[in-house]
Protein backbone atom coordinates (compact mmCIF):
# COMPACT_ATOMS: atom_id res chain seq x y z
CA UNK A 1 191.61 11.33 -124.93
CA UNK A 2 193.17 11.07 -121.47
CA UNK A 3 191.65 11.53 -118.39
CA UNK A 4 190.22 15.04 -118.02
CA UNK A 5 190.95 15.70 -114.25
CA UNK A 6 194.34 15.66 -112.90
CA UNK A 7 196.46 16.92 -110.07
CA UNK A 8 198.30 20.34 -110.26
CA UNK A 9 201.35 18.85 -110.87
CA UNK A 10 200.17 16.61 -113.91
CA UNK A 11 198.41 19.82 -115.45
CA UNK A 12 201.66 21.90 -115.48
CA UNK A 13 203.61 19.20 -116.52
CA UNK A 14 201.51 19.31 -120.00
CA UNK A 15 203.51 22.37 -120.48
CA UNK A 16 206.50 20.65 -120.83
CA UNK A 17 205.14 19.01 -123.93
CA UNK A 18 202.78 20.87 -125.47
CA UNK A 19 204.00 22.17 -129.29
CA UNK A 20 202.01 24.96 -130.39
CA UNK A 21 200.61 26.40 -133.40
CA UNK A 22 200.92 29.29 -135.54
CA UNK A 23 199.87 32.51 -134.30
CA UNK A 24 199.47 31.87 -130.87
CA UNK A 25 199.36 35.32 -128.90
CA UNK A 26 202.65 35.93 -126.82
CA UNK A 27 202.23 35.42 -122.85
CA UNK A 28 202.01 37.93 -120.68
CA UNK A 29 200.82 38.45 -117.21
CA UNK A 30 197.89 39.99 -116.50
CA UNK A 31 196.52 41.25 -113.00
CA UNK A 32 192.83 40.01 -111.06
CA UNK A 33 189.74 40.04 -113.47
CA UNK A 34 188.26 43.77 -112.77
CA UNK A 35 191.69 45.25 -112.21
CA UNK A 36 190.98 48.45 -114.56
CA UNK A 37 187.93 47.48 -115.42
CA UNK A 38 186.03 50.82 -117.38
CA UNK A 39 189.09 51.73 -119.09
CA UNK A 40 189.22 51.19 -123.00
CA UNK A 41 191.32 49.01 -124.93
CA UNK A 42 194.36 50.18 -125.53
CA UNK A 43 195.02 51.01 -129.50
CA UNK A 44 194.69 48.19 -132.22
CA UNK A 45 194.29 45.65 -129.61
CA UNK A 46 194.34 42.22 -131.12
CA UNK A 47 191.68 39.26 -129.28
CA UNK A 48 192.43 36.15 -130.37
CA UNK A 49 189.70 33.22 -130.84
CA UNK A 50 189.78 29.85 -131.55
CA UNK A 51 187.66 26.79 -131.18
CA UNK A 52 188.14 23.13 -132.22
CA UNK A 53 185.30 21.92 -134.44
CA UNK A 54 185.27 20.83 -138.13
CA UNK A 55 185.04 23.15 -141.78
CA UNK A 56 181.15 23.94 -141.00
CA UNK A 57 181.70 25.01 -137.46
CA UNK A 58 184.88 26.99 -138.54
CA UNK A 59 182.77 28.92 -141.52
CA UNK A 60 180.09 29.75 -138.56
CA UNK A 61 182.67 30.99 -136.14
CA UNK A 62 184.72 33.36 -138.95
CA UNK A 63 181.09 34.63 -139.78
CA UNK A 64 180.04 35.29 -135.63
CA UNK A 65 183.58 37.40 -135.56
CA UNK A 66 183.14 39.36 -138.84
CA UNK A 67 179.91 40.26 -136.97
CA UNK A 68 181.21 41.03 -133.87
CA UNK A 69 183.92 42.90 -135.28
CA UNK A 70 181.47 44.86 -136.18
CA UNK A 71 179.77 46.03 -132.68
CA UNK A 72 180.26 49.17 -131.34
CA UNK A 73 181.48 47.65 -127.65
CA UNK A 74 184.11 46.26 -130.21
CA UNK A 75 184.69 48.97 -133.07
CA UNK A 76 184.74 51.61 -130.62
CA UNK A 77 187.11 50.66 -128.72
CA UNK A 78 190.00 49.82 -131.39
CA UNK A 79 189.74 46.05 -130.45
CA UNK A 80 190.40 43.61 -133.59
CA UNK A 81 188.92 39.68 -133.18
CA UNK A 82 191.51 37.54 -134.96
CA UNK A 83 190.12 33.82 -135.82
CA UNK A 84 192.72 30.81 -135.43
CA UNK A 85 192.41 27.90 -136.84
CA UNK A 86 191.63 24.79 -134.64
CA UNK A 87 195.53 23.17 -134.06
CA UNK A 88 194.33 19.80 -133.86
CA UNK A 89 194.58 17.29 -130.94
CA UNK A 90 191.44 17.87 -129.31
CA UNK A 91 190.77 19.18 -125.75
CA UNK A 92 193.94 17.36 -124.67
CA UNK A 93 195.90 19.75 -126.73
CA UNK A 94 193.85 22.85 -125.53
CA UNK A 95 194.83 21.78 -122.07
CA UNK A 96 197.97 21.53 -122.62
CA UNK A 97 198.46 25.58 -124.42
CA UNK A 98 196.78 26.46 -121.26
CA UNK A 99 199.53 24.52 -119.02
CA UNK A 100 202.00 26.20 -120.79
CA UNK A 101 200.40 29.81 -120.57
CA UNK A 102 200.39 29.57 -124.54
CA UNK A 103 196.22 29.75 -125.14
CA UNK A 104 194.45 31.89 -127.02
CA UNK A 105 193.05 35.03 -125.34
CA UNK A 106 188.95 33.76 -126.00
CA UNK A 107 189.31 29.84 -125.63
CA UNK A 108 186.74 27.68 -126.21
CA UNK A 109 186.75 24.65 -123.88
CA UNK A 110 184.92 21.47 -122.96
CA UNK A 111 182.64 22.51 -120.28
CA UNK A 112 183.79 19.46 -117.92
CA UNK A 113 187.55 21.10 -117.59
CA UNK A 114 186.33 24.35 -116.54
CA UNK A 115 186.75 23.76 -112.94
CA UNK A 116 190.22 22.11 -113.61
CA UNK A 117 191.29 25.23 -115.32
CA UNK A 118 190.47 27.41 -112.39
CA UNK A 119 191.68 25.58 -109.84
CA UNK A 120 194.84 25.67 -111.99
CA UNK A 121 194.03 29.31 -111.89
CA UNK A 122 194.39 28.98 -115.64
CA UNK A 123 191.58 31.25 -116.28
CA UNK A 124 189.83 34.58 -115.77
CA UNK A 125 187.01 34.98 -112.76
CA UNK A 126 184.35 37.05 -114.59
CA UNK A 127 181.57 38.44 -112.12
CA UNK A 128 183.13 41.80 -111.83
CA UNK A 129 183.54 42.68 -115.38
CA UNK A 130 180.38 41.09 -115.76
CA UNK A 131 178.92 43.51 -113.16
CA UNK A 132 180.69 46.71 -114.37
CA UNK A 133 179.60 45.83 -117.82
CA UNK A 134 175.87 45.49 -116.63
CA UNK A 135 175.36 42.26 -117.72
CA UNK A 136 171.53 41.31 -116.48
CA UNK A 137 171.00 38.07 -115.24
CA UNK A 138 167.37 38.01 -116.03
CA UNK A 139 168.44 38.59 -119.73
CA UNK A 140 169.40 34.91 -120.09
CA UNK A 141 168.28 31.52 -119.17
CA UNK A 142 169.22 30.22 -115.53
CA UNK A 143 171.17 27.75 -117.07
CA UNK A 144 173.50 30.81 -118.30
CA UNK A 145 174.65 31.08 -114.82
CA UNK A 146 173.94 27.80 -113.29
CA UNK A 147 175.61 24.72 -115.19
CA UNK A 148 179.09 25.85 -114.66
CA UNK A 149 179.02 27.69 -111.42
CA UNK A 150 181.81 26.82 -109.88
CA UNK A 151 181.13 28.19 -106.12
CA UNK A 152 179.20 30.92 -106.67
CA UNK A 153 181.74 32.48 -109.06
CA UNK A 154 181.70 32.54 -113.00
CA UNK A 155 185.05 31.93 -115.02
CA UNK A 156 183.04 31.01 -118.68
CA UNK A 157 180.22 32.22 -120.92
CA UNK A 158 178.13 30.06 -123.03
CA UNK A 159 176.42 31.69 -125.83
CA UNK A 160 174.79 28.37 -126.65
CA UNK A 161 173.66 25.07 -124.98
CA UNK A 162 174.23 21.90 -127.04
CA UNK A 163 171.19 19.50 -126.57
CA UNK A 164 171.79 16.06 -127.24
CA UNK A 165 168.58 14.55 -128.82
CA UNK A 166 167.35 11.72 -131.14
CA UNK A 167 167.67 12.27 -134.59
CA UNK A 168 165.50 9.78 -137.07
CA UNK A 169 164.47 8.87 -140.63
CA UNK A 170 161.14 10.12 -140.90
CA UNK A 171 161.25 7.46 -144.13
CA UNK A 172 162.44 4.37 -142.58
CA UNK A 173 159.60 4.80 -139.46
CA UNK A 174 157.06 5.45 -142.45
CA UNK A 175 158.60 2.04 -143.92
CA UNK A 176 158.42 -0.16 -141.07
CA UNK A 177 154.60 1.08 -140.63
CA UNK A 178 155.59 3.38 -137.30
CA UNK A 179 153.93 6.67 -135.89
CA UNK A 180 156.07 9.47 -135.65
CA UNK A 181 158.03 9.25 -132.36
CA UNK A 182 156.96 11.47 -129.33
CA UNK A 183 157.10 15.53 -129.54
CA UNK A 184 157.70 15.85 -126.28
CA UNK A 185 159.98 14.23 -123.34
CA UNK A 186 156.86 14.03 -121.32
CA UNK A 187 155.75 11.39 -123.84
CA UNK A 188 158.87 9.56 -124.34
CA UNK A 189 159.28 5.65 -125.16
CA UNK A 190 159.05 3.23 -122.34
CA UNK A 191 162.15 1.18 -122.74
CA UNK A 192 159.83 -2.09 -123.63
CA UNK A 193 157.88 -0.14 -125.98
CA UNK A 194 160.87 1.56 -127.56
CA UNK A 195 162.57 -2.19 -127.96
CA UNK A 196 159.35 -3.24 -130.11
CA UNK A 197 160.19 -0.06 -132.04
CA UNK A 198 163.64 -1.04 -132.56
CA UNK A 199 163.07 -4.58 -133.62
CA UNK A 200 160.53 -3.05 -136.55
CA UNK A 201 163.48 -0.64 -137.88
CA UNK A 202 166.27 -3.17 -137.67
CA UNK A 203 167.13 -5.20 -140.72
CA UNK A 204 169.11 -8.02 -141.94
CA UNK A 205 170.59 -9.60 -145.04
CA UNK A 206 170.39 -13.17 -146.44
CA UNK A 207 172.95 -14.08 -144.68
CA UNK A 208 171.78 -13.05 -141.25
CA UNK A 209 174.29 -10.05 -141.18
CA UNK A 210 173.02 -6.33 -140.07
CA UNK A 211 171.96 -4.09 -143.13
CA UNK A 212 170.27 -1.45 -141.50
CA UNK A 213 170.48 -0.34 -137.80
CA UNK A 214 167.81 0.94 -135.20
CA UNK A 215 169.92 3.00 -133.34
CA UNK A 216 173.58 4.69 -133.23
CA UNK A 217 174.95 6.13 -130.15
CA UNK A 218 178.42 7.55 -128.63
CA UNK A 219 180.20 6.10 -125.63
CA UNK A 220 178.71 9.15 -123.38
CA UNK A 221 175.19 7.66 -124.07
CA UNK A 222 176.20 5.70 -120.84
CA UNK A 223 174.87 9.00 -119.02
CA UNK A 224 171.58 9.32 -119.43
CA UNK A 225 171.40 5.23 -119.45
CA UNK A 226 172.52 5.33 -115.62
CA UNK A 227 170.69 8.61 -114.65
CA UNK A 228 167.64 7.54 -116.36
CA UNK A 229 167.90 4.22 -114.25
CA UNK A 230 168.09 6.31 -111.18
CA UNK A 231 171.63 6.33 -111.02
CA UNK A 232 174.03 8.63 -110.08
CA UNK A 233 177.98 8.98 -110.97
CA UNK A 234 178.86 9.39 -107.34
CA UNK A 235 177.57 10.03 -103.76
CA UNK A 236 176.52 13.34 -102.54
CA UNK A 237 179.85 13.69 -101.06
CA UNK A 238 181.71 13.16 -104.20
CA UNK A 239 184.24 10.75 -102.71
CA UNK A 240 182.92 7.53 -103.86
CA UNK A 241 181.61 6.26 -107.44
CA UNK A 242 177.88 4.77 -107.28
CA UNK A 243 177.89 3.67 -110.84
CA UNK A 244 178.10 0.25 -109.93
CA UNK A 245 174.47 -0.02 -108.37
CA UNK A 246 172.29 -2.86 -109.48
CA UNK A 247 169.82 -0.96 -111.33
CA UNK A 248 172.48 1.02 -113.29
CA UNK A 249 174.26 -2.23 -114.29
CA UNK A 250 170.79 -3.66 -115.54
CA UNK A 251 169.82 -0.63 -117.32
CA UNK A 252 173.61 -0.80 -118.83
CA UNK A 253 173.33 -4.52 -119.61
CA UNK A 254 169.97 -4.35 -121.14
CA UNK A 255 170.97 -1.47 -123.50
CA UNK A 256 174.57 -3.17 -124.59
CA UNK A 257 172.55 -6.62 -124.68
CA UNK A 258 171.45 -5.48 -128.68
CA UNK A 259 174.74 -4.46 -129.68
CA UNK A 260 176.72 -7.55 -128.71
CA UNK A 261 177.58 -10.04 -131.41
CA UNK A 262 175.00 -12.97 -131.29
CA UNK A 263 172.31 -10.56 -129.65
CA UNK A 264 169.75 -9.11 -131.37
CA UNK A 265 172.08 -6.32 -133.04
CA UNK A 266 169.50 -3.59 -133.41
CA UNK A 267 172.27 -1.02 -131.99
CA UNK A 268 175.21 -0.14 -134.19
CA UNK A 269 178.23 -1.64 -132.65
CA UNK A 270 181.87 0.13 -132.06
CA UNK A 271 183.68 0.67 -135.45
CA UNK A 272 181.15 2.09 -137.87
CA UNK A 273 180.50 5.57 -138.93
CA UNK A 274 177.42 6.61 -137.76
CA UNK A 275 176.73 9.68 -139.88
CA UNK A 276 177.47 7.63 -142.77
CA UNK A 277 175.02 5.10 -141.84
CA UNK A 278 172.56 7.53 -141.02
CA UNK A 279 173.16 9.64 -144.29
CA UNK A 280 173.02 5.98 -146.21
CA UNK A 281 169.45 5.48 -145.13
CA UNK A 282 171.22 2.40 -143.02
CA UNK A 283 170.31 4.20 -139.56
CA UNK A 284 166.92 5.05 -138.13
CA UNK A 285 167.80 6.53 -134.88
CA UNK A 286 170.93 8.61 -133.63
CA UNK A 287 171.70 10.31 -130.41
CA UNK A 288 173.51 13.43 -131.13
CA UNK A 289 174.07 16.70 -130.59
CA UNK A 290 172.35 19.96 -132.21
CA UNK A 291 175.66 20.98 -134.19
CA UNK A 292 175.02 17.24 -135.62
CA UNK A 293 172.55 19.13 -138.59
CA UNK A 294 175.25 20.37 -140.92
CA UNK A 295 176.47 16.76 -141.30
CA UNK A 296 173.16 15.37 -142.58
CA UNK A 297 172.83 14.73 -145.83
CA UNK A 298 169.96 16.86 -148.02
CA UNK A 299 168.64 13.59 -149.12
CA UNK A 300 167.48 12.70 -145.66
CA UNK A 301 164.28 13.17 -144.25
CA UNK A 302 164.65 13.52 -140.59
CA UNK A 303 162.84 14.85 -137.41
CA UNK A 304 163.89 14.77 -133.77
CA UNK A 305 162.61 13.37 -130.86
CA UNK A 306 163.27 12.63 -127.09
CA UNK A 307 165.54 9.81 -125.73
CA UNK A 308 163.59 6.65 -124.50
CA UNK A 309 163.18 5.52 -120.72
CA UNK A 310 165.72 3.90 -119.64
CA UNK A 311 163.97 2.82 -117.67
CA UNK A 312 162.42 5.40 -114.97
CA UNK A 313 162.87 8.61 -116.66
CA UNK A 314 163.56 9.76 -120.21
CA UNK A 315 166.96 11.78 -119.79
CA UNK A 316 170.33 13.47 -121.60
CA UNK A 317 173.23 15.13 -121.22
CA UNK A 318 173.74 18.68 -122.91
CA UNK A 319 177.00 20.31 -123.55
CA UNK A 320 177.86 23.92 -122.82
CA UNK A 321 179.18 25.70 -125.52
CA UNK A 322 181.70 27.34 -123.44
CA UNK A 323 184.51 30.02 -123.81
CA UNK A 324 187.11 31.03 -121.20
CA UNK A 325 189.59 33.79 -120.95
CA UNK A 326 192.96 32.72 -120.52
CA UNK A 327 195.33 34.15 -118.05
CA UNK A 328 197.98 34.90 -120.80
CA UNK A 329 195.72 36.90 -122.40
CA UNK A 330 197.23 40.33 -123.41
CA UNK A 331 194.52 42.16 -122.24
CA UNK A 332 191.66 40.03 -120.59
CA UNK A 333 189.07 43.31 -120.29
CA UNK A 334 189.28 43.09 -124.19
CA UNK A 335 189.03 39.54 -124.51
CA UNK A 336 185.88 39.70 -121.90
CA UNK A 337 183.90 42.41 -124.28
CA UNK A 338 184.64 39.61 -126.97
CA UNK A 339 182.98 36.82 -125.45
CA UNK A 340 180.37 39.70 -123.77
CA UNK A 341 179.41 40.10 -127.67
CA UNK A 342 179.75 36.75 -128.84
CA UNK A 343 176.95 36.15 -126.05
CA UNK A 344 174.63 38.91 -127.72
CA UNK A 345 172.88 39.72 -130.79
CA UNK A 346 173.34 39.94 -133.66
CA UNK A 347 176.70 37.49 -133.33
CA UNK A 348 174.74 34.78 -131.36
CA UNK A 349 172.36 35.01 -134.26
CA UNK A 350 174.69 33.33 -136.36
CA UNK A 351 175.12 30.40 -134.03
CA UNK A 352 171.86 29.89 -133.75
CA UNK A 353 171.51 30.09 -137.39
CA UNK A 354 174.43 27.61 -137.61
CA UNK A 355 172.68 24.95 -135.54
CA UNK A 356 175.28 25.47 -132.92
CA UNK A 357 172.81 24.92 -129.99
CA UNK A 358 169.87 26.39 -127.86
CA UNK A 359 170.79 30.33 -127.24
CA UNK A 360 170.70 30.84 -123.58
CA UNK A 361 170.21 34.80 -124.60
CA UNK A 362 166.09 34.96 -124.22
CA UNK A 363 165.98 37.34 -126.97
CA UNK A 364 168.00 35.09 -129.52
CA UNK A 365 165.63 31.91 -128.40
CA UNK A 366 162.61 33.98 -129.82
CA UNK A 367 164.88 35.45 -132.53
CA UNK A 368 164.00 34.29 -136.02
CA UNK A 369 167.44 33.09 -136.93
CA UNK A 370 166.89 30.20 -134.21
CA UNK A 371 163.14 29.84 -135.28
CA UNK A 372 163.23 29.67 -139.05
CA UNK A 373 166.04 27.15 -138.84
CA UNK A 374 165.77 23.34 -138.35
CA UNK A 375 164.80 21.19 -136.72
CA UNK A 376 160.86 22.10 -137.09
CA UNK A 377 160.05 20.96 -133.41
CA UNK A 378 162.48 22.74 -131.28
CA UNK A 379 160.80 22.08 -128.24
CA UNK A 380 162.17 18.56 -128.20
CA UNK A 381 165.43 20.62 -127.86
CA UNK A 382 164.20 23.36 -125.71
CA UNK A 383 162.41 20.80 -123.20
CA UNK A 384 165.87 19.55 -122.41
CA UNK A 385 166.77 22.98 -120.45
CA UNK A 386 164.01 22.29 -117.70
CA UNK A 387 161.95 19.89 -116.04
CA UNK A 388 159.84 17.13 -116.94
CA UNK A 389 156.85 15.85 -114.89
CA UNK A 390 158.92 17.58 -111.61
CA UNK A 391 162.21 15.81 -113.00
CA UNK A 392 165.13 17.36 -114.25
CA UNK A 393 166.13 16.36 -118.24
CA UNK A 394 169.68 17.47 -118.12
CA UNK A 395 171.75 15.06 -116.18
CA UNK A 396 172.98 17.46 -113.41
CA UNK A 397 176.93 16.04 -113.47
CA UNK A 398 179.19 17.57 -111.16
CA UNK A 399 181.94 20.45 -112.22
CA UNK A 400 184.47 20.18 -110.01
CA UNK A 401 187.44 17.29 -110.03
CA UNK A 402 184.78 14.51 -109.82
CA UNK A 403 183.92 15.11 -113.62
CA UNK A 404 187.26 12.67 -113.85
CA UNK A 405 184.40 9.95 -113.18
CA UNK A 406 183.15 10.59 -116.12
CA UNK A 407 186.11 9.96 -118.70
CA UNK A 408 186.20 6.54 -117.44
CA UNK A 409 183.40 5.56 -118.60
CA UNK A 410 183.22 7.01 -121.98
CA UNK A 411 186.81 7.72 -123.63
CA UNK A 412 188.19 4.69 -121.92
CA UNK A 413 188.53 0.89 -123.37
CA UNK A 414 185.87 -0.53 -120.54
CA UNK A 415 182.79 0.53 -122.50
CA UNK A 416 183.81 -0.72 -126.02
CA UNK A 417 184.74 -4.45 -124.12
CA UNK A 418 181.31 -4.34 -122.94
CA UNK A 419 179.63 -3.36 -126.05
CA UNK A 420 182.06 -5.83 -128.06
CA UNK A 421 180.61 -8.98 -125.34
CA UNK A 422 184.12 -8.96 -123.88
CA UNK A 423 182.98 -8.42 -120.21
CA UNK A 424 179.67 -7.82 -118.64
CA UNK A 425 178.16 -4.35 -117.60
CA UNK A 426 178.68 -4.93 -114.05
CA UNK A 427 182.15 -5.75 -114.54
CA UNK A 428 182.76 -2.67 -117.14
CA UNK A 429 180.83 -0.17 -114.25
CA UNK A 430 183.28 -1.96 -111.60
CA UNK A 431 186.45 -1.59 -113.38
CA UNK A 432 185.27 2.23 -114.63
CA UNK A 433 184.44 2.88 -111.30
CA UNK A 434 187.86 1.90 -109.76
CA UNK A 435 189.71 4.05 -112.14
CA UNK A 436 187.78 6.79 -111.70
CA UNK A 437 188.36 6.94 -108.06
CA UNK A 438 191.98 6.40 -108.60
CA UNK A 439 192.45 9.44 -110.78
CA UNK A 440 190.25 11.44 -108.19
CA UNK A 441 192.19 10.32 -105.06
CA UNK A 442 194.88 12.59 -105.54
CA UNK A 443 192.54 15.50 -105.34
CA UNK A 444 191.51 15.23 -101.92
CA UNK A 445 188.27 16.44 -102.89
CA UNK A 446 184.78 16.26 -101.40
CA UNK A 447 181.57 18.34 -101.54
CA UNK A 448 181.57 22.15 -100.57
CA UNK A 449 184.81 22.84 -101.08
CA UNK A 450 185.12 24.74 -104.41
CA UNK A 451 184.99 28.07 -103.28
CA UNK A 452 187.72 27.73 -100.67
CA UNK A 453 190.05 25.78 -102.79
CA UNK A 454 189.71 28.77 -105.90
CA UNK A 455 190.76 30.93 -103.29
CA UNK A 456 193.60 28.72 -102.16
CA UNK A 457 194.91 28.73 -105.71
CA UNK A 458 194.55 32.31 -106.09
CA UNK A 459 191.94 31.92 -108.45
CA UNK A 460 189.13 34.52 -107.45
CA UNK A 461 190.67 37.82 -107.82
CA UNK A 462 187.22 39.30 -107.34
CA UNK A 463 185.70 37.72 -103.87
CA UNK A 464 182.76 38.62 -102.81
CA UNK A 465 181.24 39.85 -106.17
CA UNK A 466 178.78 37.18 -107.48
CA UNK A 467 176.33 37.28 -110.56
CA UNK A 468 174.57 34.10 -109.08
CA UNK A 469 175.38 33.45 -105.66
CA UNK A 470 174.30 29.74 -105.84
CA UNK A 471 175.11 26.69 -107.48
CA UNK A 472 172.63 23.83 -108.47
CA UNK A 473 174.92 21.08 -107.28
CA UNK A 474 178.06 21.14 -104.38
């Protein structure tokens, strides 16, 4: 993927290059959020819905939409929710569709990009409609309102939170003579303890080539490593990258030493399919989100456990399953009702049963659809939404333009080079920081500007109404 945060000019330039797939809803101007609120949708109103995702996810979405279409809030207003296929191209394609005003009505988006869409006035503020339709703050976990709170305003709704934890092969642990992993983040492995376990789980063939790996992970694992070392992406003012701190560099280097050729090679190097290795019984542990479950082979006996301390804290990075309403929606109030219905029972129970994540709706969190599905030890998931021993488990990364800091550490070439021994962790972090600061410079940004910048952009159509006025970070 390309950089996630860009100037308004660069964002709008995407409109010139987007090629929109089939069944895209026609563009139409709409008034500010809340305008005309309370009036029933026009007869036969169609609201288009789209989320990226593989085949299991798409089957789940269609089932959830079927359930949602049957609810009184939708059927009595003559709203029809229409599923649309993933057009391909990932988040960059979706962002290009927003730039050209051809996004679908209710659109899933990368949670790190919501601020960019709001600052470019491409999505609706939701507070007045949330208030009008009497959404109750206490019905949801606080993170429903906090995680993508932009200057106190709401621009998205999240039926679920995708939690990143370690999935482990029960049989490989038993074969290595190891006890089951910790069942709570309060008991997460110390770094040195984990290395002793990894040594027993990794195997090589007669030629010294790795035959079984201890740990597999995606590139965004850099986040819990850094924050687990007491680091942060940037300073409190959100103006300078701080990932070059020595504690962060040391933690990352200690981690990468186990992937580079010539080292222990206990961790999976770049280029190998992690899911394939796990399903073949050749990978003992994999850091993955909750929607990894549908991809696990029925032949694998598995469980979940916390990430290890790296080295101060055991932390993770959750991802909101985030949906927004595009400014090109033909009827943004009907789209809001669809999105609200998908965040309520029984539609949200379909997401819960499908492994989409942990419900933010408290009633759904306690429902059989969530509690009876795998994994058995859901406490490992649920604890990521709170504090353990007085310290936050989920990394509080910034939601403003400073999210551009993240992409250079995860989607660029620097991490691959470090994992293969072509550069040190210190050099990787130095180059990534330089690139991140270059990307951020066009925004002329610092902490505390969000509300003023949203108002300046014309993105606040319902000023003064805030469902959750305070945000977790600047």
